[in-house]
N, C-alpha and C. Protein backbone atom coordinates (compact mmCIF):
# COMPACT_ATOMS: atom_id res chain seq x y z
N MET A 1 -12.21 1.28 -5.64
CA MET A 1 -12.02 1.98 -4.39
C MET A 1 -13.25 2.83 -4.11
N ASP A 2 -13.68 2.84 -2.88
CA ASP A 2 -14.81 3.65 -2.43
C ASP A 2 -14.44 5.13 -2.55
N GLN A 3 -15.29 5.90 -3.22
CA GLN A 3 -15.00 7.32 -3.48
C GLN A 3 -14.89 8.14 -2.20
N ASP A 4 -15.54 7.68 -1.10
CA ASP A 4 -15.51 8.44 0.14
C ASP A 4 -14.24 8.18 0.95
N LYS A 5 -13.46 7.20 0.58
CA LYS A 5 -12.24 6.86 1.29
C LYS A 5 -11.05 7.55 0.67
N SER A 6 -10.12 7.95 1.50
CA SER A 6 -8.87 8.50 0.97
C SER A 6 -8.01 7.34 0.46
N VAL A 7 -7.05 7.66 -0.37
CA VAL A 7 -6.12 6.64 -0.85
C VAL A 7 -5.43 5.98 0.34
N GLU A 8 -5.02 6.78 1.31
CA GLU A 8 -4.34 6.24 2.49
C GLU A 8 -5.23 5.26 3.25
N ASP A 9 -6.50 5.61 3.46
CA ASP A 9 -7.41 4.71 4.18
C ASP A 9 -7.62 3.41 3.42
N ALA A 10 -7.80 3.51 2.11
CA ALA A 10 -7.98 2.31 1.29
C ALA A 10 -6.72 1.43 1.34
N LEU A 11 -5.56 2.06 1.34
CA LEU A 11 -4.30 1.31 1.43
C LEU A 11 -4.19 0.58 2.76
N LYS A 12 -4.50 1.26 3.83
CA LYS A 12 -4.42 0.64 5.16
C LYS A 12 -5.36 -0.56 5.24
N ASP A 13 -6.58 -0.41 4.75
CA ASP A 13 -7.53 -1.53 4.74
C ASP A 13 -6.97 -2.71 3.95
N MET A 14 -6.44 -2.42 2.77
CA MET A 14 -5.92 -3.46 1.90
C MET A 14 -4.71 -4.16 2.53
N ILE A 15 -3.81 -3.39 3.13
CA ILE A 15 -2.61 -3.97 3.74
C ILE A 15 -2.98 -4.89 4.89
N VAL A 16 -3.88 -4.44 5.76
CA VAL A 16 -4.31 -5.27 6.89
C VAL A 16 -4.96 -6.55 6.40
N GLU A 17 -5.82 -6.44 5.39
CA GLU A 17 -6.53 -7.60 4.86
C GLU A 17 -5.58 -8.58 4.16
N ARG A 18 -4.75 -8.10 3.28
CA ARG A 18 -3.90 -8.98 2.47
C ARG A 18 -2.76 -9.61 3.27
N LEU A 19 -2.28 -8.90 4.30
CA LEU A 19 -1.18 -9.43 5.10
C LEU A 19 -1.65 -10.09 6.38
N PHE A 20 -2.97 -10.16 6.56
CA PHE A 20 -3.57 -10.79 7.75
C PHE A 20 -2.97 -10.21 9.04
N LEU A 21 -2.89 -8.89 9.10
CA LEU A 21 -2.32 -8.23 10.27
C LEU A 21 -3.33 -8.19 11.41
N SER A 22 -2.82 -8.27 12.62
CA SER A 22 -3.71 -8.24 13.79
C SER A 22 -3.77 -6.83 14.38
N VAL A 23 -3.90 -5.85 13.50
CA VAL A 23 -4.08 -4.46 13.92
C VAL A 23 -5.26 -3.89 13.15
N GLU A 24 -5.81 -2.82 13.66
CA GLU A 24 -6.86 -2.11 12.95
C GLU A 24 -6.19 -1.18 11.93
N PRO A 25 -6.81 -0.99 10.78
CA PRO A 25 -6.21 -0.09 9.79
C PRO A 25 -5.88 1.29 10.34
N GLY A 26 -6.72 1.80 11.23
CA GLY A 26 -6.50 3.12 11.80
C GLY A 26 -5.28 3.22 12.71
N GLU A 27 -4.75 2.06 13.12
CA GLU A 27 -3.56 2.05 13.97
C GLU A 27 -2.27 2.23 13.16
N ILE A 28 -2.36 2.13 11.85
CA ILE A 28 -1.18 2.29 11.00
C ILE A 28 -1.04 3.78 10.66
N GLY A 29 0.08 4.35 11.03
CA GLY A 29 0.34 5.75 10.72
C GLY A 29 0.79 5.91 9.28
N ASP A 30 0.46 7.04 8.69
CA ASP A 30 0.83 7.28 7.29
C ASP A 30 2.34 7.24 7.08
N ASP A 31 3.11 7.60 8.10
CA ASP A 31 4.57 7.65 7.98
C ASP A 31 5.28 6.47 8.66
N ASP A 32 4.52 5.52 9.22
CA ASP A 32 5.14 4.35 9.85
C ASP A 32 5.96 3.58 8.82
N ASN A 33 7.13 3.10 9.22
CA ASN A 33 7.95 2.29 8.33
C ASN A 33 7.35 0.88 8.29
N LEU A 34 6.68 0.57 7.20
CA LEU A 34 5.98 -0.71 7.07
C LEU A 34 6.93 -1.89 7.08
N MET A 35 8.10 -1.72 6.48
CA MET A 35 9.07 -2.81 6.38
C MET A 35 9.51 -3.27 7.76
N ASP A 36 9.77 -2.32 8.64
CA ASP A 36 10.21 -2.65 9.99
C ASP A 36 9.05 -3.05 10.89
N THR A 37 7.99 -2.26 10.87
CA THR A 37 6.87 -2.49 11.77
C THR A 37 6.19 -3.83 11.55
N PHE A 38 6.02 -4.21 10.28
CA PHE A 38 5.29 -5.44 9.97
C PHE A 38 6.16 -6.51 9.33
N GLU A 39 7.48 -6.33 9.41
CA GLU A 39 8.44 -7.32 8.91
C GLU A 39 8.07 -7.78 7.50
N ILE A 40 7.92 -6.82 6.61
CA ILE A 40 7.52 -7.13 5.24
C ILE A 40 8.73 -7.63 4.45
N ASP A 41 8.58 -8.85 3.94
CA ASP A 41 9.62 -9.44 3.09
C ASP A 41 9.14 -9.38 1.65
N SER A 42 9.88 -10.01 0.74
CA SER A 42 9.54 -9.92 -0.68
C SER A 42 8.18 -10.54 -1.00
N VAL A 43 7.81 -11.60 -0.31
CA VAL A 43 6.51 -12.24 -0.56
C VAL A 43 5.38 -11.32 -0.11
N ARG A 44 5.52 -10.73 1.05
CA ARG A 44 4.49 -9.82 1.55
C ARG A 44 4.43 -8.56 0.70
N LEU A 45 5.57 -8.12 0.21
CA LEU A 45 5.59 -6.95 -0.67
C LEU A 45 4.84 -7.25 -1.96
N LEU A 46 5.01 -8.45 -2.48
CA LEU A 46 4.28 -8.86 -3.68
C LEU A 46 2.78 -8.85 -3.42
N GLU A 47 2.36 -9.26 -2.24
CA GLU A 47 0.93 -9.21 -1.87
C GLU A 47 0.42 -7.78 -1.91
N ILE A 48 1.23 -6.84 -1.43
CA ILE A 48 0.83 -5.44 -1.47
C ILE A 48 0.71 -4.96 -2.91
N VAL A 49 1.66 -5.32 -3.74
CA VAL A 49 1.64 -4.90 -5.15
C VAL A 49 0.40 -5.44 -5.85
N VAL A 50 0.09 -6.71 -5.65
CA VAL A 50 -1.10 -7.30 -6.26
C VAL A 50 -2.35 -6.59 -5.75
N GLY A 51 -2.37 -6.28 -4.46
CA GLY A 51 -3.49 -5.55 -3.88
C GLY A 51 -3.65 -4.17 -4.51
N LEU A 52 -2.54 -3.47 -4.73
CA LEU A 52 -2.61 -2.15 -5.37
C LEU A 52 -3.23 -2.26 -6.75
N GLU A 53 -2.78 -3.26 -7.50
CA GLU A 53 -3.28 -3.42 -8.86
C GLU A 53 -4.77 -3.75 -8.88
N GLU A 54 -5.22 -4.54 -7.90
CA GLU A 54 -6.63 -4.91 -7.84
C GLU A 54 -7.51 -3.78 -7.30
N VAL A 55 -7.12 -3.19 -6.19
CA VAL A 55 -7.94 -2.17 -5.53
C VAL A 55 -8.01 -0.88 -6.34
N PHE A 56 -6.89 -0.47 -6.89
CA PHE A 56 -6.83 0.82 -7.58
C PHE A 56 -6.84 0.69 -9.10
N ASP A 57 -6.87 -0.53 -9.59
CA ASP A 57 -6.89 -0.79 -11.04
C ASP A 57 -5.74 -0.07 -11.75
N ILE A 58 -4.54 -0.29 -11.22
CA ILE A 58 -3.34 0.30 -11.81
C ILE A 58 -2.35 -0.81 -12.12
N SER A 59 -1.39 -0.51 -12.98
CA SER A 59 -0.30 -1.44 -13.28
C SER A 59 1.00 -0.76 -12.94
N LEU A 60 1.89 -1.51 -12.31
CA LEU A 60 3.19 -0.96 -11.95
C LEU A 60 4.25 -1.49 -12.90
N GLU A 61 5.15 -0.61 -13.29
CA GLU A 61 6.26 -0.97 -14.17
C GLU A 61 7.44 -1.45 -13.33
N ASP A 62 8.33 -2.21 -13.93
CA ASP A 62 9.50 -2.74 -13.22
C ASP A 62 10.31 -1.64 -12.55
N ASP A 63 10.46 -0.50 -13.21
CA ASP A 63 11.29 0.57 -12.65
C ASP A 63 10.62 1.31 -11.48
N GLU A 64 9.39 0.95 -11.16
CA GLU A 64 8.68 1.57 -10.02
C GLU A 64 8.83 0.75 -8.74
N PHE A 65 9.54 -0.36 -8.83
CA PHE A 65 9.74 -1.22 -7.67
C PHE A 65 11.04 -0.85 -6.96
N SER A 66 10.92 -0.06 -5.93
CA SER A 66 12.06 0.23 -5.06
C SER A 66 11.52 0.24 -3.63
N ILE A 67 12.36 -0.15 -2.71
CA ILE A 67 11.95 -0.22 -1.31
C ILE A 67 11.41 1.12 -0.83
N GLU A 68 12.03 2.20 -1.26
CA GLU A 68 11.61 3.54 -0.83
C GLU A 68 10.16 3.82 -1.20
N ARG A 69 9.70 3.28 -2.32
CA ARG A 69 8.33 3.54 -2.79
C ARG A 69 7.30 2.78 -1.97
N PHE A 70 7.76 1.81 -1.16
CA PHE A 70 6.85 0.98 -0.38
C PHE A 70 7.13 1.03 1.12
N GLU A 71 7.93 1.99 1.55
CA GLU A 71 8.31 2.07 2.96
C GLU A 71 7.17 2.46 3.89
N SER A 72 6.25 3.28 3.40
CA SER A 72 5.18 3.78 4.26
C SER A 72 3.89 3.91 3.46
N VAL A 73 2.80 4.06 4.17
CA VAL A 73 1.51 4.29 3.52
C VAL A 73 1.59 5.55 2.67
N LYS A 74 2.23 6.59 3.20
CA LYS A 74 2.35 7.85 2.45
C LYS A 74 3.11 7.64 1.14
N ALA A 75 4.21 6.90 1.19
CA ALA A 75 5.01 6.65 -0.02
C ALA A 75 4.20 5.85 -1.05
N ILE A 76 3.48 4.85 -0.58
CA ILE A 76 2.66 4.04 -1.50
C ILE A 76 1.53 4.89 -2.07
N ALA A 77 0.91 5.71 -1.23
CA ALA A 77 -0.18 6.58 -1.69
C ALA A 77 0.32 7.54 -2.77
N ASP A 78 1.53 8.06 -2.60
CA ASP A 78 2.10 8.94 -3.63
C ASP A 78 2.25 8.19 -4.95
N LEU A 79 2.72 6.96 -4.88
CA LEU A 79 2.87 6.13 -6.08
C LEU A 79 1.51 5.88 -6.74
N VAL A 80 0.52 5.54 -5.93
CA VAL A 80 -0.83 5.29 -6.45
C VAL A 80 -1.37 6.54 -7.14
N ARG A 81 -1.22 7.69 -6.51
CA ARG A 81 -1.73 8.93 -7.09
C ARG A 81 -1.06 9.24 -8.43
N GLU A 82 0.22 8.89 -8.56
CA GLU A 82 0.91 9.09 -9.85
C GLU A 82 0.29 8.23 -10.95
N LYS A 83 -0.24 7.07 -10.56
CA LYS A 83 -0.76 6.12 -11.54
C LYS A 83 -2.24 6.30 -11.85
N LEU A 84 -2.97 6.95 -10.95
CA LEU A 84 -4.40 7.12 -11.16
C LEU A 84 -4.67 8.15 -12.25
N PRO A 85 -5.71 7.92 -13.05
CA PRO A 85 -6.06 8.94 -14.06
C PRO A 85 -6.54 10.21 -13.36
N GLU A 86 -6.30 11.31 -13.99
CA GLU A 86 -6.67 12.61 -13.40
C GLU A 86 -8.16 12.81 -13.38
């Protein structure tokens, strides 16, 4: 991840790229419900998870997979920050 980018900005870039969305990353609000707005199903959610692991070099445990943790950019950013080394 680019050190000058916030976690939220990096997430938005990754989501747009991996899900082939026809929006600009800046158009995604931190609190937008991603599941509803972009019709994210289990396959698309898996794409986001793989992207998180690649972009942020983190691993997610089975117990960290809940819809609430992936509802918005803010929720995902909170999860990423929990996993990043201090």
